[in-house]
Amino acid sequence: SLESAMPRSPSPTVELPRLRAAVDG
């Protein structure tokens, strides 16, 4: 089904450096 018109809920900011370190970049 089409999602482009669905409301989008905010998400907390992802800690990218920590994430990259966990999965070898």
PDB file of all heavy atoms in Angstrom:
ATOM      1  N   SER A   1       0.850  -1.183   0.000  1.00  0.00           N
ATOM      2  CA  SER A   1       0.000   0.000   0.000  1.00  0.00           C
ATOM      3  C   SER A   1       0.887   1.234   0.000  1.00  0.00           C
ATOM      4  O   SER A   1       2.043   1.177   0.385  1.00  0.00           O
ATOM      5  CB  SER A   1      -0.891   0.002   1.239  1.00  0.00           C
ATOM      6  OG  SER A   1      -0.108  -0.016   2.399  1.00  0.00           O
ATOM      7  N   LEU A   2       0.337   2.329  -0.432  1.00  0.00           N
ATOM      8  CA  LEU A   2       1.113   3.570  -0.549  1.00  0.00           C
ATOM      9  C   LEU A   2       1.351   4.164   0.820  1.00  0.00           C
ATOM     10  O   LEU A   2       0.442   4.312   1.614  1.00  0.00           O
ATOM     11  CB  LEU A   2       0.348   4.574  -1.416  1.00  0.00           C
ATOM     12  CG  LEU A   2       1.131   5.782  -1.891  1.00  0.00           C
ATOM     13  CD1 LEU A   2       2.145   5.358  -2.942  1.00  0.00           C
ATOM     14  CD2 LEU A   2       0.193   6.825  -2.466  1.00  0.00           C
ATOM     15  N   GLU A   3       2.622   4.519   1.125  1.00  0.00           N
ATOM     16  CA  GLU A   3       2.940   5.076   2.431  1.00  0.00           C
ATOM     17  C   GLU A   3       3.349   6.535   2.361  1.00  0.00           C
ATOM     18  O   GLU A   3       3.554   7.170   3.372  1.00  0.00           O
ATOM     19  CB  GLU A   3       4.096   4.284   3.075  1.00  0.00           C
ATOM     20  CG  GLU A   3       3.667   2.930   3.606  1.00  0.00           C
ATOM     21  CD  GLU A   3       4.687   2.360   4.567  1.00  0.00           C
ATOM     22  OE1 GLU A   3       5.739   3.013   4.753  1.00  0.00           O
ATOM     23  OE2 GLU A   3       4.451   1.303   5.132  1.00  0.00           O
ATOM     24  N   SER A   4       3.480   7.078   1.160  1.00  0.00           N
ATOM     25  CA  SER A   4       4.025   8.424   1.043  1.00  0.00           C
ATOM     26  C   SER A   4       3.154   9.459   1.727  1.00  0.00           C
ATOM     27  O   SER A   4       3.629  10.524   2.128  1.00  0.00           O
ATOM     28  CB  SER A   4       4.205   8.773  -0.432  1.00  0.00           C
ATOM     29  OG  SER A   4       2.977   8.672  -1.112  1.00  0.00           O
ATOM     30  N   ALA A   5       1.861   9.157   1.880  1.00  0.00           N
ATOM     31  CA  ALA A   5       0.955  10.124   2.504  1.00  0.00           C
ATOM     32  C   ALA A   5       0.751   9.858   3.989  1.00  0.00           C
ATOM     33  O   ALA A   5       0.010  10.575   4.647  1.00  0.00           O
ATOM     34  CB  ALA A   5      -0.404  10.087   1.799  1.00  0.00           C
ATOM     35  N   MET A   6       1.427   8.832   4.526  1.00  0.00           N
ATOM     36  CA  MET A   6       1.224   8.495   5.932  1.00  0.00           C
ATOM     37  C   MET A   6       1.950   9.485   6.836  1.00  0.00           C
ATOM     38  O   MET A   6       3.038   9.961   6.517  1.00  0.00           O
ATOM     39  CB  MET A   6       1.740   7.077   6.213  1.00  0.00           C
ATOM     40  CG  MET A   6       0.928   5.983   5.555  1.00  0.00           C
ATOM     41  SD  MET A   6       1.615   4.354   5.901  1.00  0.00           S
ATOM     42  CE  MET A   6       1.482   4.319   7.696  1.00  0.00           C
ATOM     43  N   PRO A   7       1.408   9.799   8.009  1.00  0.00           N
ATOM     44  CA  PRO A   7       2.105  10.654   8.950  1.00  0.00           C
ATOM     45  C   PRO A   7       3.358   9.982   9.467  1.00  0.00           C
ATOM     46  O   PRO A   7       3.391   8.764   9.634  1.00  0.00           O
ATOM     47  CB  PRO A   7       1.079  10.865  10.075  1.00  0.00           C
ATOM     48  CG  PRO A   7       0.152   9.712   9.963  1.00  0.00           C
ATOM     49  CD  PRO A   7       0.090   9.375   8.515  1.00  0.00           C
ATOM     50  N   ARG A   8       4.368  10.749   9.703  1.00  0.00           N
ATOM     51  CA  ARG A   8       5.643  10.206  10.146  1.00  0.00           C
ATOM     52  C   ARG A   8       5.948  10.670  11.566  1.00  0.00           C
ATOM     53  O   ARG A   8       5.910  11.854  11.864  1.00  0.00           O
ATOM     54  CB  ARG A   8       6.764  10.637   9.202  1.00  0.00           C
ATOM     55  CG  ARG A   8       6.586  10.085   7.777  1.00  0.00           C
ATOM     56  CD  ARG A   8       7.526  10.749   6.802  1.00  0.00           C
ATOM     57  NE  ARG A   8       7.381  10.172   5.463  1.00  0.00           N
ATOM     58  CZ  ARG A   8       7.959  10.652   4.381  1.00  0.00           C
ATOM     59  NH1 ARG A   8       8.707  11.725   4.456  1.00  0.00           N
ATOM     60  NH2 ARG A   8       7.791  10.073   3.217  1.00  0.00           N
ATOM     61  N   SER A   9       6.241   9.715  12.404  1.00  0.00           N
ATOM     62  CA  SER A   9       6.532  10.052  13.798  1.00  0.00           C
ATOM     63  C   SER A   9       8.025  10.309  13.962  1.00  0.00           C
ATOM     64  O   SER A   9       8.855   9.657  13.324  1.00  0.00           O
ATOM     65  CB  SER A   9       6.091   8.910  14.713  1.00  0.00           C
ATOM     66  OG  SER A   9       6.713   7.708  14.321  1.00  0.00           O
ATOM     67  N   PRO A  10       8.388  11.245  14.789  1.00  0.00           N
ATOM     68  CA  PRO A  10       9.803  11.540  14.984  1.00  0.00           C
ATOM     69  C   PRO A  10      10.517  10.389  15.673  1.00  0.00           C
ATOM     70  O   PRO A  10       9.921   9.623  16.415  1.00  0.00           O
ATOM     71  CB  PRO A  10       9.774  12.794  15.875  1.00  0.00           C
ATOM     72  CG  PRO A  10       8.460  12.730  16.582  1.00  0.00           C
ATOM     73  CD  PRO A  10       7.513  12.094  15.614  1.00  0.00           C
ATOM     74  N   SER A  11      11.806  10.271  15.408  1.00  0.00           N
ATOM     75  CA  SER A  11      12.615   9.232  16.033  1.00  0.00           C
ATOM     76  C   SER A  11      13.817   9.896  16.681  1.00  0.00           C
ATOM     77  O   SER A  11      14.359  10.867  16.150  1.00  0.00           O
ATOM     78  CB  SER A  11      13.070   8.218  14.978  1.00  0.00           C
ATOM     79  OG  SER A  11      13.851   7.200  15.553  1.00  0.00           O
ATOM     80  N   PRO A  12      14.265   9.404  17.846  1.00  0.00           N
ATOM     81  CA  PRO A  12      15.449   9.979  18.477  1.00  0.00           C
ATOM     82  C   PRO A  12      16.648   9.902  17.537  1.00  0.00           C
ATOM     83  O   PRO A  12      16.725   9.020  16.676  1.00  0.00           O
ATOM     84  CB  PRO A  12      15.660   9.094  19.713  1.00  0.00           C
ATOM     85  CG  PRO A  12      14.332   8.459  19.968  1.00  0.00           C
ATOM     86  CD  PRO A  12      13.694   8.299  18.625  1.00  0.00           C
ATOM     87  N   THR A  13      17.567  10.838  17.705  1.00  0.00           N
ATOM     88  CA  THR A  13      18.753  10.879  16.851  1.00  0.00           C
ATOM     89  C   THR A  13      19.608   9.638  17.060  1.00  0.00           C
ATOM     90  O   THR A  13      19.935   9.269  18.196  1.00  0.00           O
ATOM     91  CB  THR A  13      19.584  12.137  17.156  1.00  0.00           C
ATOM     92  OG1 THR A  13      18.760  13.296  16.963  1.00  0.00           O
ATOM     93  CG2 THR A  13      20.787  12.212  16.237  1.00  0.00           C
ATOM     94  N   VAL A  14      19.970   8.990  15.960  1.00  0.00           N
ATOM     95  CA  VAL A  14      20.794   7.791  16.028  1.00  0.00           C
ATOM     96  C   VAL A  14      22.250   8.178  16.221  1.00  0.00           C
ATOM     97  O   VAL A  14      22.773   9.064  15.526  1.00  0.00           O
ATOM     98  CB  VAL A  14      20.632   6.961  14.737  1.00  0.00           C
ATOM     99  CG1 VAL A  14      21.569   5.752  14.752  1.00  0.00           C
ATOM    100  CG2 VAL A  14      19.189   6.517  14.568  1.00  0.00           C
ATOM    101  N   GLU A  15      22.928   7.522  17.168  1.00  0.00           N
ATOM    102  CA  GLU A  15      24.343   7.790  17.433  1.00  0.00           C
ATOM    103  C   GLU A  15      25.185   7.046  16.398  1.00  0.00           C
ATOM    104  O   GLU A  15      25.575   5.897  16.609  1.00  0.00           O
ATOM    105  CB  GLU A  15      24.713   7.343  18.848  1.00  0.00           C
ATOM    106  CG  GLU A  15      23.957   8.092  19.949  1.00  0.00           C
ATOM    107  CD  GLU A  15      24.361   7.607  21.327  1.00  0.00           C
ATOM    108  OE1 GLU A  15      25.572   7.347  21.526  1.00  0.00           O
ATOM    109  OE2 GLU A  15      23.475   7.456  22.174  1.00  0.00           O
ATOM    110  N   LEU A  16      25.473   7.719  15.300  1.00  0.00           N
ATOM    111  CA  LEU A  16      26.125   7.052  14.179  1.00  0.00           C
ATOM    112  C   LEU A  16      27.545   6.567  14.493  1.00  0.00           C
ATOM    113  O   LEU A  16      27.905   5.453  14.093  1.00  0.00           O
ATOM    114  CB  LEU A  16      26.132   7.974  12.968  1.00  0.00           C
ATOM    115  CG  LEU A  16      24.746   8.276  12.382  1.00  0.00           C
ATOM    116  CD1 LEU A  16      24.851   9.291  11.261  1.00  0.00           C
ATOM    117  CD2 LEU A  16      24.096   6.997  11.871  1.00  0.00           C
ATOM    118  N   PRO A  17      28.391   7.332  15.190  1.00  0.00           N
ATOM    119  CA  PRO A  17      29.738   6.823  15.478  1.00  0.00           C
ATOM    120  C   PRO A  17      29.704   5.507  16.273  1.00  0.00           C
ATOM    121  O   PRO A  17      30.455   4.573  15.978  1.00  0.00           O
ATOM    122  CB  PRO A  17      30.386   7.958  16.285  1.00  0.00           C
ATOM    123  CG  PRO A  17      29.641   9.179  15.868  1.00  0.00           C
ATOM    124  CD  PRO A  17      28.231   8.732  15.642  1.00  0.00           C
ATOM    125  N   ARG A  18      28.824   5.450  17.250  1.00  0.00           N
ATOM    126  CA  ARG A  18      28.703   4.231  18.055  1.00  0.00           C
ATOM    127  C   ARG A  18      28.189   3.066  17.209  1.00  0.00           C
ATOM    128  O   ARG A  18      28.649   1.931  17.332  1.00  0.00           O
ATOM    129  CB  ARG A  18      27.769   4.500  19.229  1.00  0.00           C
ATOM    130  CG  ARG A  18      27.638   3.333  20.193  1.00  0.00           C
ATOM    131  CD  ARG A  18      26.755   3.710  21.355  1.00  0.00           C
ATOM    132  NE  ARG A  18      26.426   2.534  22.144  1.00  0.00           N
ATOM    133  CZ  ARG A  18      25.269   2.318  22.726  1.00  0.00           C
ATOM    134  NH1 ARG A  18      24.296   3.213  22.585  1.00  0.00           N
ATOM    135  NH2 ARG A  18      25.043   1.237  23.434  1.00  0.00           N
ATOM    136  N   LEU A  19      27.266   3.370  16.316  1.00  0.00           N
ATOM    137  CA  LEU A  19      26.713   2.339  15.451  1.00  0.00           C
ATOM    138  C   LEU A  19      27.772   1.813  14.489  1.00  0.00           C
ATOM    139  O   LEU A  19      27.913   0.603  14.290  1.00  0.00           O
ATOM    140  CB  LEU A  19      25.526   2.905  14.682  1.00  0.00           C
ATOM    141  CG  LEU A  19      24.582   1.921  13.993  1.00  0.00           C
ATOM    142  CD1 LEU A  19      23.973   0.953  14.997  1.00  0.00           C
ATOM    143  CD2 LEU A  19      23.483   2.677  13.258  1.00  0.00           C
ATOM    144  N   ARG A  20      28.551   2.724  13.919  1.00  0.00           N
ATOM    145  CA  ARG A  20      29.611   2.305  12.981  1.00  0.00           C
ATOM    146  C   ARG A  20      30.665   1.458  13.688  1.00  0.00           C
ATOM    147  O   ARG A  20      31.161   0.475  13.121  1.00  0.00           O
ATOM    148  CB  ARG A  20      30.262   3.533  12.348  1.00  0.00           C
ATOM    149  CG  ARG A  20      29.396   4.239  11.314  1.00  0.00           C
ATOM    150  CD  ARG A  20      30.214   5.219  10.489  1.00  0.00           C
ATOM    151  NE  ARG A  20      29.429   5.767   9.393  1.00  0.00           N
ATOM    152  CZ  ARG A  20      28.785   6.926   9.415  1.00  0.00           C
ATOM    153  NH1 ARG A  20      28.852   7.688  10.512  1.00  0.00           N
ATOM    154  NH2 ARG A  20      28.095   7.334   8.378  1.00  0.00           N
ATOM    155  N   ALA A  21      30.985   1.811  14.904  1.00  0.00           N
ATOM    156  CA  ALA A  21      31.981   1.045  15.654  1.00  0.00           C
ATOM    157  C   ALA A  21      31.482  -0.370  15.934  1.00  0.00           C
ATOM    158  O   ALA A  21      32.262  -1.330  15.948  1.00  0.00           O
ATOM    159  CB  ALA A  21      32.308   1.757  16.965  1.00  0.00           C
ATOM    160  N   ALA A  22      30.181  -0.520  16.118  1.00  0.00           N
ATOM    161  CA  ALA A  22      29.618  -1.827  16.465  1.00  0.00           C
ATOM    162  C   ALA A  22      29.623  -2.787  15.285  1.00  0.00           C
ATOM    163  O   ALA A  22      29.648  -4.013  15.471  1.00  0.00           O
ATOM    164  CB  ALA A  22      28.197  -1.663  16.988  1.00  0.00           C
ATOM    165  N   VAL A  23      29.599  -2.269  14.076  1.00  0.00           N
ATOM    166  CA  VAL A  23      29.470  -3.136  12.894  1.00  0.00           C
ATOM    167  C   VAL A  23      30.593  -2.901  11.889  1.00  0.00           C
ATOM    168  O   VAL A  23      30.412  -3.077  10.682  1.00  0.00           O
ATOM    169  CB  VAL A  23      28.095  -2.952  12.217  1.00  0.00           C
ATOM    170  CG1 VAL A  23      26.979  -3.433  13.114  1.00  0.00           C
ATOM    171  CG2 VAL A  23      27.865  -1.504  11.813  1.00  0.00           C
ATOM    172  N   ASP A  24      31.744  -2.494  12.363  1.00  0.00           N
ATOM    173  CA  ASP A  24      32.913  -2.304  11.505  1.00  0.00           C
ATOM    174  C   ASP A  24      32.636  -1.347  10.351  1.00  0.00           C
ATOM    175  O   ASP A  24      33.102  -1.547   9.226  1.00  0.00           O
ATOM    176  CB  ASP A  24      33.404  -3.650  10.939  1.00  0.00           C
ATOM    177  CG  ASP A  24      33.856  -4.612  12.036  1.00  0.00           C
ATOM    178  OD1 ASP A  24      34.286  -4.130  13.103  1.00  0.00           O
ATOM    179  OD2 ASP A  24      33.770  -5.837  11.825  1.00  0.00           O
ATOM    180  N   GLY A  25      31.833  -0.322  10.609  1.00  0.00           N
ATOM    181  CA  GLY A  25      31.601   0.712   9.609  1.00  0.00           C
ATOM    182  C   GLY A  25      30.568   0.402   8.555  1.00  0.00           C
ATOM    183  O   GLY A  25      30.368   1.197   7.640  1.00  0.00           O
TER     184      GLY A  25
END
